[in-house]
Amino acid sequence: MSYITKQDLLDELGEQQLIQLTDSARTGGVDESVVDKALAFAGGTFDAYARTRYSLPVPATAKVKALCLDLAIYKLKKARVTTSEGIDNLRKSYYDPSIKFLEALQAGKAALDVPAADETTASPAIPDRVLSGTVRKVFTDEKLDSY
């Protein structure tokens, strides 16, 4: 699922920068297929980490959108960067912080700004307690007397 839209990218980057990042055919406009691939990458990456703790799709809250925007911008800019130093800087700016948060989310060390009712019951943020009751002995003294 895509949690962000082309309009979100336009709002974040501006039309001119989005054209520069997507227009490899030099048409002077935004290449929708490149934008769609970036949106799919961001949504898929987010879902891969979030599915362990949340019912998908989660509401597109501010935090969810921010994470997906960073991932989509990373995908768009990565195609245009030509040096390994540029890719490293790009990873440090956009990709690594998002993935670090998503890994913490998956491990239960972070949470989304999604109401707790939207978390799955099969995998809640707090693990289930082990229920204990009276222990019934299988091998009682009477049963073991004949051995």
Protein backbone atom coordinates (compact mmCIF):
# COMPACT_ATOMS: atom_id res chain seq x y z
CA MET A 1 0.00 0.00 0.00
CA SER A 2 1.14 3.52 -0.69
CA TYR A 3 0.88 5.84 2.29
CA ILE A 4 1.99 8.87 0.30
CA THR A 5 1.01 10.30 -3.05
CA LYS A 6 2.65 12.18 -5.88
CA GLN A 7 1.22 15.34 -4.33
CA ASP A 8 3.08 14.60 -1.08
CA LEU A 9 6.32 14.36 -3.06
CA LEU A 10 5.50 17.60 -4.87
CA ASP A 11 4.83 19.33 -1.55
CA GLU A 12 8.11 18.05 -0.11
CA LEU A 13 10.41 18.53 -3.11
CA GLY A 14 8.71 21.07 -5.32
CA GLU A 15 7.73 20.50 -8.92
CA GLN A 16 11.07 21.45 -10.46
CA GLN A 17 13.09 19.05 -8.31
CA LEU A 18 10.59 16.22 -8.85
CA ILE A 19 10.88 16.76 -12.61
CA GLN A 20 14.68 16.69 -12.34
CA LEU A 21 14.57 13.43 -10.38
CA THR A 22 12.11 11.61 -12.64
CA ASP A 23 12.42 13.01 -16.17
CA SER A 24 15.08 10.82 -17.78
CA ALA A 25 13.38 11.12 -21.19
CA ARG A 26 13.68 14.94 -21.07
CA THR A 27 9.98 15.54 -21.67
CA GLY A 28 9.85 18.45 -19.25
CA GLY A 29 7.32 16.76 -16.96
CA VAL A 30 7.16 14.35 -14.07
CA ASP A 31 7.54 10.71 -15.14
CA GLU A 32 4.61 8.99 -13.42
CA SER A 33 6.13 5.50 -13.68
CA VAL A 34 9.27 6.59 -11.81
CA VAL A 35 7.12 8.21 -9.12
CA ASP A 36 4.97 5.07 -8.87
CA LYS A 37 8.08 2.90 -8.39
CA ALA A 38 9.35 5.18 -5.63
CA LEU A 39 5.95 5.15 -3.90
CA ALA A 40 5.77 1.35 -4.16
CA PHE A 41 9.30 1.01 -2.76
CA ALA A 42 8.48 3.25 0.21
CA GLY A 43 5.15 1.56 0.97
CA GLY A 44 6.56 -1.95 0.56
CA THR A 45 9.55 -1.26 2.77
CA PHE A 46 7.35 0.28 5.45
CA ASP A 47 4.88 -2.63 5.33
CA ALA A 48 7.66 -5.21 5.56
CA TYR A 49 8.73 -3.84 8.93
CA ALA A 50 5.34 -2.75 10.30
CA ARG A 51 3.46 -5.98 9.56
CA THR A 52 5.01 -7.74 12.56
CA ARG A 53 3.25 -5.40 14.99
CA TYR A 54 0.40 -3.66 13.20
CA SER A 55 -2.60 -4.60 11.10
CA LEU A 56 -1.96 -3.38 7.58
CA PRO A 57 -2.60 -0.92 6.17
CA VAL A 58 -2.02 1.44 9.07
CA PRO A 59 -3.54 4.92 8.98
CA ALA A 60 -1.40 7.40 7.04
CA THR A 61 -0.40 9.50 10.04
CA ALA A 62 2.30 12.17 10.09
CA LYS A 63 5.01 9.72 11.22
CA VAL A 64 4.05 7.10 8.65
CA LYS A 65 4.06 9.71 5.87
CA ALA A 66 7.42 11.11 6.99
CA LEU A 67 9.02 7.66 6.94
CA CYS A 68 7.58 6.85 3.52
CA LEU A 69 8.59 10.25 2.12
CA ASP A 70 12.19 9.73 3.21
CA LEU A 71 12.27 6.27 1.62
CA ALA A 72 10.69 7.50 -1.63
CA ILE A 73 13.03 10.49 -1.85
CA TYR A 74 15.99 8.17 -1.26
CA LYS A 75 14.82 5.95 -4.12
CA LEU A 76 14.38 8.92 -6.47
CA LYS A 77 17.68 10.57 -5.62
CA LYS A 78 19.67 7.33 -5.64
CA ALA A 79 19.02 6.95 -9.37
CA ARG A 80 20.59 10.37 -10.01
CA VAL A 81 23.65 10.17 -7.75
CA THR A 82 26.82 9.29 -9.63
CA THR A 83 29.47 8.94 -6.91
CA SER A 84 29.79 6.47 -4.07
CA GLU A 85 30.34 9.39 -1.70
CA GLY A 86 27.04 10.89 -2.86
CA ILE A 87 25.24 7.60 -2.30
CA ASP A 88 26.76 7.31 1.20
CA ASN A 89 25.58 10.83 2.07
CA LEU A 90 22.16 10.06 0.66
CA ARG A 91 21.89 6.88 2.71
CA LYS A 92 22.90 8.75 5.87
CA SER A 93 20.37 11.49 5.22
CA TYR A 94 17.28 9.55 4.15
CA TYR A 95 17.57 5.77 4.20
CA ASP A 96 19.50 4.88 7.35
CA PRO A 97 17.41 6.93 9.82
CA SER A 98 14.17 5.51 8.40
CA ILE A 99 15.41 1.92 8.45
CA LYS A 100 16.80 2.36 11.96
CA PHE A 101 13.39 3.51 13.18
CA LEU A 102 11.62 0.70 11.32
CA GLU A 103 13.97 -1.89 12.84
CA ALA A 104 13.23 -0.48 16.30
CA LEU A 105 9.54 -0.58 15.46
CA GLN A 106 9.78 -4.21 14.44
CA ALA A 107 11.70 -5.07 17.63
CA GLY A 108 9.07 -3.37 19.80
CA LYS A 109 11.42 -0.58 20.90
CA ALA A 110 9.51 2.13 19.01
CA ALA A 111 5.88 2.77 18.16
CA LEU A 112 3.94 4.56 15.48
CA ASP A 113 1.54 7.39 16.14
CA VAL A 114 -1.25 4.91 15.48
CA PRO A 115 -3.82 4.20 18.20
CA ALA A 116 -3.19 1.02 20.14
CA ALA A 117 -6.51 -0.43 18.94
CA ASP A 118 -4.98 -0.66 15.47
CA GLU A 119 -2.24 -3.00 16.65
CA THR A 120 -2.78 -6.63 15.87
CA THR A 121 -4.00 -8.91 18.60
CA ALA A 122 -1.78 -11.71 17.34
CA SER A 123 1.39 -9.68 17.87
CA PRO A 124 0.81 -6.88 20.38
CA ALA A 125 3.48 -4.44 21.49
CA ILE A 126 3.59 -6.06 24.94
CA PRO A 127 4.10 -9.82 24.93
CA ASP A 128 1.49 -12.05 26.53
CA ARG A 129 2.04 -13.13 30.10
CA VAL A 130 2.36 -16.80 30.81
CA LEU A 131 -0.69 -17.94 32.72
CA SER A 132 0.02 -20.04 35.74
CA GLY A 133 -2.35 -22.02 37.87
CA THR A 134 -2.28 -24.94 40.20
CA VAL A 135 0.12 -27.63 39.14
CA ARG A 136 -1.36 -31.08 39.04
CA LYS A 137 1.23 -33.75 39.66
CA VAL A 138 1.26 -36.50 37.08
CA PHE A 139 3.45 -38.79 39.14
CA THR A 140 2.10 -38.83 42.66
CA ASP A 141 3.59 -40.81 45.56
CA GLU A 142 0.75 -43.35 45.30
CA LYS A 143 1.43 -44.01 41.61
CA LEU A 144 5.14 -44.38 42.20
CA ASP A 145 4.77 -46.83 45.13
CA SER A 146 4.42 -49.80 42.79
CA TYR A 147 7.79 -49.15 41.14
